[in-house]
Amino acid sequence: MQIKERGLILIPIDFTKQSLLAIKQSYNLAKYTHSKILLLHVYDKSETDSNEALAKLCAQTEKESGVPTDFVNKKGNIYELTDKIAIERNATLVIAGLESHMDFKHIVGSSASKFVRKAPCPVITIRGLQHNDGCENILLPIDLSPESREKVDVAIQFAKYFGASIRILGLFDEADQAYENELLAYTYQVKIFIKNKGISCTNKSISTKDIATTVVEYANKIEADLIMIMNKPSLSVGEFFKGTDAQKIVDISNVPVMTIQPMEREPMMSFGTGF
């Protein structure tokens, strides 16, 4: 999988600092991929007309980024309309600023997670207000699922854009020795593959019972600028990594997270997370 060039980057905004930061974070990527920027503002009936403010923000964005920029102003639900507009406009990427961390009990049912899970294209979610303009370290959590392997090409693509290093993270249950051995061999192969593309790369393996927390803690330890994960298309009986781990990472990470949609496959038994 690759992020298409000459595409469209969709950015849902509500004029909060977080959503305005998402716009700033899109500039370099839009330039590298020769993409247009589309600002999406969704309002409810209690809000006043925002067309004037949107037009001003749109003009400012185009001037600062040097990239063609347009806007859409619609009434409805921000999460539902983001996915709908992404489909209608054939968006190649969504960049969304998310305001605050949610309580753990609310994670599985959160609207943000649902919107990311149903999105027709990759989504970068951003929390917190302290982020670099560029991208020096990309964290790539990996397991043995077919879905997990799809994001390697995207990581390579981004690393080339930004001159970044890729940090592979293998995650396993210490009670499953066979899986651990196979994962260690695979992460090493992926590292060699990435290095052969001329990209700096390291690999690390960690045993854990809490995937989401481990990924976010390690991302902060290595000062990662981006975490790349895969949507989990379905759950499997007896799998160690739960399908909600990807959702939890989106909801608890202070590091920007890129969620990639897997290719459609025939139903099959899988024991990976989709990371």
Protein backbone atom coordinates (compact mmCIF):
# COMPACT_ATOMS: atom_id res chain seq x y z
CA MET A 1 0.00 0.00 0.00
CA GLN A 2 1.15 3.56 -0.75
CA ILE A 3 -0.29 7.00 0.00
CA LYS A 4 -1.30 8.34 -3.40
CA GLU A 5 0.37 11.47 -4.72
CA ARG A 6 -1.68 14.33 -6.19
CA GLY A 7 -4.49 13.40 -3.86
CA LEU A 8 -6.61 15.18 -1.24
CA ILE A 9 -5.90 15.64 2.45
CA LEU A 10 -9.12 16.13 4.43
CA ILE A 11 -8.92 18.00 7.75
CA PRO A 12 -12.00 18.24 10.00
CA ILE A 13 -11.86 21.49 12.00
CA ASP A 14 -13.80 23.21 14.77
CA PHE A 15 -11.46 26.20 15.30
CA THR A 16 -9.97 24.71 18.48
CA LYS A 17 -6.19 24.87 18.93
CA GLN A 18 -6.07 21.12 18.32
CA SER A 19 -7.78 21.25 14.94
CA LEU A 20 -5.73 24.27 13.86
CA LEU A 21 -2.59 22.33 14.77
CA ALA A 22 -3.76 19.51 12.49
CA ILE A 23 -3.82 22.00 9.61
CA LYS A 24 -0.24 23.09 10.33
CA GLN A 25 0.87 19.46 10.51
CA SER A 26 -0.49 18.82 7.02
CA TYR A 27 1.67 21.36 5.18
CA ASN A 28 4.82 19.32 4.58
CA LEU A 29 2.93 16.15 3.72
CA ALA A 30 0.69 18.01 1.27
CA LYS A 31 3.77 19.44 -0.43
CA TYR A 32 5.59 16.10 -0.60
CA THR A 33 2.57 14.32 -2.10
CA HIS A 34 1.46 17.27 -4.28
CA SER A 35 -1.94 17.03 -2.60
CA LYS A 36 -4.73 19.55 -2.14
CA ILE A 37 -6.08 20.41 1.32
CA LEU A 38 -9.80 20.36 2.12
CA LEU A 39 -10.98 21.88 5.42
CA LEU A 40 -14.23 20.40 6.74
CA HIS A 41 -16.28 22.30 9.32
CA VAL A 42 -19.42 20.64 10.68
CA TYR A 43 -21.89 22.66 12.74
CA ASP A 44 -25.14 22.10 14.60
CA LYS A 45 -28.21 24.33 14.60
CA SER A 46 -27.00 26.31 17.63
CA GLU A 47 -23.97 27.66 15.76
CA THR A 48 -23.90 30.81 13.67
CA ASP A 49 -22.75 30.89 10.06
CA SER A 50 -18.99 30.18 9.85
CA ASN A 51 -18.47 30.74 6.12
CA GLU A 52 -16.60 34.00 6.58
CA ALA A 53 -14.23 32.57 9.18
CA LEU A 54 -13.72 29.45 7.06
CA ALA A 55 -12.94 31.47 3.95
CA LYS A 56 -10.36 33.44 5.93
CA LEU A 57 -8.79 30.28 7.38
CA CYS A 58 -8.79 28.65 3.95
CA ALA A 59 -6.95 31.61 2.40
CA GLN A 60 -4.45 31.65 5.27
CA THR A 61 -3.82 27.91 4.91
CA GLU A 62 -3.22 28.18 1.18
CA LYS A 63 -0.84 31.11 1.67
CA GLU A 64 1.17 29.41 4.42
CA SER A 65 1.30 25.96 2.82
CA GLY A 66 1.62 26.94 -0.82
CA VAL A 67 -0.93 24.20 -1.51
CA PRO A 68 -4.40 24.63 -3.16
CA THR A 69 -6.95 24.71 -0.33
CA ASP A 70 -10.75 24.63 -0.22
CA PHE A 71 -13.39 24.25 2.49
CA VAL A 72 -16.75 22.60 3.13
CA ASN A 73 -19.25 23.84 5.73
CA LYS A 74 -22.01 21.36 6.60
CA LYS A 75 -24.57 20.68 9.30
CA GLY A 76 -24.47 17.29 11.03
CA ASN A 77 -22.20 14.98 13.03
CA ILE A 78 -18.49 15.65 12.59
CA TYR A 79 -17.41 11.98 12.71
CA GLU A 80 -20.10 10.72 10.34
CA LEU A 81 -19.61 13.54 7.85
CA THR A 82 -15.82 13.21 7.86
CA ASP A 83 -16.09 9.64 6.59
CA LYS A 84 -18.86 10.60 4.15
CA ILE A 85 -16.93 13.53 2.65
CA ALA A 86 -13.76 11.42 2.51
CA ILE A 87 -15.64 8.95 0.31
CA GLU A 88 -17.34 11.60 -1.84
CA ARG A 89 -14.11 13.53 -2.46
CA ASN A 90 -11.92 10.42 -2.75
CA ALA A 91 -9.62 11.65 0.03
CA THR A 92 -6.25 9.93 0.27
CA LEU A 93 -5.63 10.92 3.90
CA VAL A 94 -7.51 12.42 6.86
CA ILE A 95 -5.66 14.43 9.51
CA ALA A 96 -7.73 15.01 12.65
CA GLY A 97 -6.95 16.87 15.85
CA LEU A 98 -8.51 15.15 18.86
CA GLU A 99 -9.06 17.27 21.93
CA SER A 100 -8.52 15.30 25.11
CA HIS A 101 -7.77 11.85 26.44
CA MET A 102 -10.83 9.79 27.25
CA ASP A 103 -11.50 7.67 30.31
CA PHE A 104 -10.62 4.04 29.71
CA LYS A 105 -14.23 2.91 30.20
CA HIS A 106 -15.31 5.12 27.30
CA ILE A 107 -12.62 4.04 24.83
CA VAL A 108 -14.34 1.14 23.09
CA GLY A 109 -17.45 3.15 22.28
CA SER A 110 -15.80 6.46 21.55
CA SER A 111 -16.94 8.35 18.46
CA ALA A 112 -13.35 9.10 17.48
CA SER A 113 -12.51 5.39 17.39
CA LYS A 114 -15.58 4.58 15.35
CA PHE A 115 -14.77 7.29 12.82
CA VAL A 116 -11.18 6.04 12.45
CA ARG A 117 -12.30 2.43 12.15
CA LYS A 118 -14.81 3.20 9.39
CA ALA A 119 -12.69 5.70 7.45
CA PRO A 120 -12.15 4.84 3.74
CA CYS A 121 -8.51 5.99 3.82
CA PRO A 122 -5.60 6.28 6.28
CA VAL A 123 -6.19 8.63 9.21
CA ILE A 124 -3.62 10.56 11.25
CA THR A 125 -4.96 11.53 14.68
CA ILE A 126 -3.19 14.17 16.75
CA ARG A 127 -3.52 14.86 20.48
CA GLY A 128 -1.57 17.40 22.53
CA LEU A 129 -0.18 20.70 21.33
CA GLN A 130 3.56 19.94 21.25
CA HIS A 131 4.59 18.40 17.93
CA ASN A 132 7.50 18.78 15.53
CA ASP A 133 7.01 20.19 12.05
CA GLY A 134 8.87 17.25 10.55
CA CYS A 135 9.13 13.57 11.40
CA GLU A 136 12.41 12.06 12.62
CA ASN A 137 11.26 8.78 14.20
CA ILE A 138 8.44 6.52 12.99
CA LEU A 139 7.36 3.75 15.36
CA LEU A 140 6.20 0.63 13.55
CA PRO A 141 4.55 -1.93 15.89
CA ILE A 142 4.48 -5.29 14.12
CA ASP A 143 2.95 -8.74 14.59
CA LEU A 144 2.64 -11.72 12.24
CA SER A 145 -0.76 -10.89 10.74
CA PRO A 146 -1.06 -10.22 6.98
CA GLU A 147 -2.55 -6.79 7.76
CA SER A 148 0.49 -5.76 9.78
CA ARG A 149 2.82 -6.27 6.82
CA GLU A 150 0.90 -3.85 4.61
CA LYS A 151 2.05 -0.79 6.53
CA VAL A 152 5.75 -1.42 5.94
CA ASP A 153 5.59 0.21 2.49
CA VAL A 154 3.74 3.22 3.92
CA ALA A 155 6.38 3.60 6.65
CA ILE A 156 9.11 3.50 4.00
CA GLN A 157 7.26 6.10 1.94
CA PHE A 158 6.92 8.46 4.91
CA ALA A 159 10.51 7.89 6.01
CA LYS A 160 11.72 8.93 2.56
CA TYR A 161 9.53 12.04 2.58
CA PHE A 162 10.82 13.24 5.93
CA GLY A 163 14.29 11.68 6.08
CA ALA A 164 13.09 9.74 9.11
CA SER A 165 14.26 6.60 10.87
CA ILE A 166 11.92 3.64 11.38
CA ARG A 167 11.79 1.91 14.76
CA ILE A 168 10.24 -1.58 14.56
CA LEU A 169 8.53 -2.85 17.71
CA GLY A 170 7.62 -6.53 18.01
CA LEU A 171 5.01 -7.33 20.67
CA PHE A 172 4.43 -10.80 22.08
CA ASP A 173 3.07 -12.81 24.98
CA GLU A 174 6.01 -14.28 26.88
CA ALA A 175 4.00 -17.47 27.42
CA ASP A 176 3.99 -18.18 23.66
CA GLN A 177 7.59 -19.16 22.89
CA ALA A 178 6.89 -20.32 19.33
CA TYR A 179 5.20 -17.04 18.42
CA GLU A 180 8.01 -15.06 20.02
CA ASN A 181 10.68 -16.91 18.00
CA GLU A 182 8.81 -16.43 14.74
CA LEU A 183 8.19 -12.75 15.49
CA LEU A 184 11.86 -12.10 16.32
CA ALA A 185 12.92 -13.62 12.99
CA TYR A 186 10.29 -11.62 11.10
CA THR A 187 11.11 -8.24 12.67
CA TYR A 188 14.77 -8.80 11.78
CA GLN A 189 13.81 -9.56 8.16
CA VAL A 190 11.71 -6.39 8.02
CA LYS A 191 14.61 -4.37 9.41
CA ILE A 192 16.96 -5.66 6.70
CA PHE A 193 14.32 -4.97 4.03
CA ILE A 194 13.92 -1.36 5.23
CA LYS A 195 17.68 -0.80 5.51
CA ASN A 196 18.10 -2.02 1.93
CA LYS A 197 15.82 0.88 0.95
CA GLY A 198 18.43 3.26 2.36
CA ILE A 199 16.51 4.04 5.57
CA SER A 200 17.89 3.93 9.09
CA CYS A 201 16.06 1.23 11.05
CA THR A 202 16.19 -0.56 14.39
CA ASN A 203 14.12 -3.40 15.84
CA LYS A 204 13.05 -4.12 19.42
CA SER A 205 10.85 -6.84 20.91
CA ILE A 206 8.88 -6.53 24.14
CA SER A 207 6.67 -8.99 25.99
CA THR A 208 3.48 -7.42 27.25
CA LYS A 209 -0.07 -7.99 28.44
CA ASP A 210 -1.09 -4.40 27.67
CA ILE A 211 -0.44 -3.63 24.01
CA ALA A 212 -1.73 -0.05 23.85
CA THR A 213 0.11 1.19 26.94
CA THR A 214 3.34 -0.53 25.88
CA VAL A 215 3.23 1.01 22.40
CA VAL A 216 2.59 4.54 23.69
CA GLU A 217 5.20 4.28 26.46
CA TYR A 218 7.83 3.04 24.00
CA ALA A 219 6.89 5.77 21.51
CA ASN A 220 7.58 8.38 24.17
CA LYS A 221 10.79 6.67 25.25
CA ILE A 222 12.27 6.88 21.74
CA GLU A 223 10.69 10.31 21.09
CA ALA A 224 8.68 9.01 18.14
CA ASP A 225 6.92 11.58 15.96
CA LEU A 226 4.42 9.11 14.51
CA ILE A 227 3.01 5.68 15.39
CA MET A 228 1.73 3.58 12.49
CA ILE A 229 -0.96 1.00 13.19
CA MET A 230 -3.48 -1.05 11.21
CA ASN A 231 -7.21 -1.23 11.63
CA LYS A 232 -8.21 -4.69 12.82
CA PRO A 233 -10.79 -5.98 10.32
CA SER A 234 -12.21 -8.72 12.54
CA LEU A 235 -11.69 -10.56 15.79
CA SER A 236 -10.44 -14.12 16.05
CA VAL A 237 -11.31 -16.70 18.69
CA GLY A 238 -8.53 -17.02 21.24
CA GLU A 239 -6.27 -14.29 19.84
CA PHE A 240 -3.87 -12.73 22.30
CA PHE A 241 -4.10 -9.15 21.02
CA LYS A 242 -7.64 -7.81 21.30
CA GLY A 243 -9.18 -5.97 18.35
CA THR A 244 -9.71 -2.87 20.45
CA ASP A 245 -5.99 -2.31 21.01
CA ALA A 246 -5.74 -0.17 17.88
CA GLN A 247 -8.66 1.92 19.16
CA LYS A 248 -7.00 2.29 22.57
CA ILE A 249 -3.77 3.53 21.02
CA VAL A 250 -5.69 6.21 19.10
CA ASP A 251 -7.48 7.29 22.26
CA ILE A 252 -4.57 7.35 24.74
CA SER A 253 -1.57 8.32 22.62
CA ASN A 254 -0.06 11.78 23.02
CA VAL A 255 2.03 10.93 19.92
CA PRO A 256 0.33 11.32 16.50
CA VAL A 257 -1.08 8.00 15.28
CA MET A 258 -1.56 6.95 11.67
CA THR A 259 -4.22 4.26 11.24
CA ILE A 260 -4.07 2.41 7.91
CA GLN A 261 -7.00 0.51 6.46
CA PRO A 262 -6.12 -3.10 5.49
CA MET A 263 -6.83 -4.57 2.08
CA GLU A 264 -10.00 -6.66 1.78
CA ARG A 265 -9.32 -10.36 2.21
CA GLU A 266 -11.28 -13.58 2.32
CA PRO A 267 -12.28 -14.43 5.90
CA MET A 268 -9.55 -16.44 7.60
CA MET A 269 -8.37 -17.39 11.07
CA SER A 270 -5.75 -14.91 12.26
CA PHE A 271 -3.81 -14.72 15.49
CA GLY A 272 -2.33 -11.27 14.95
CA THR A 273 -3.46 -7.84 16.05
CA GLY A 274 -3.33 -6.10 12.74
CA PHE A 275 -0.51 -3.91 14.09
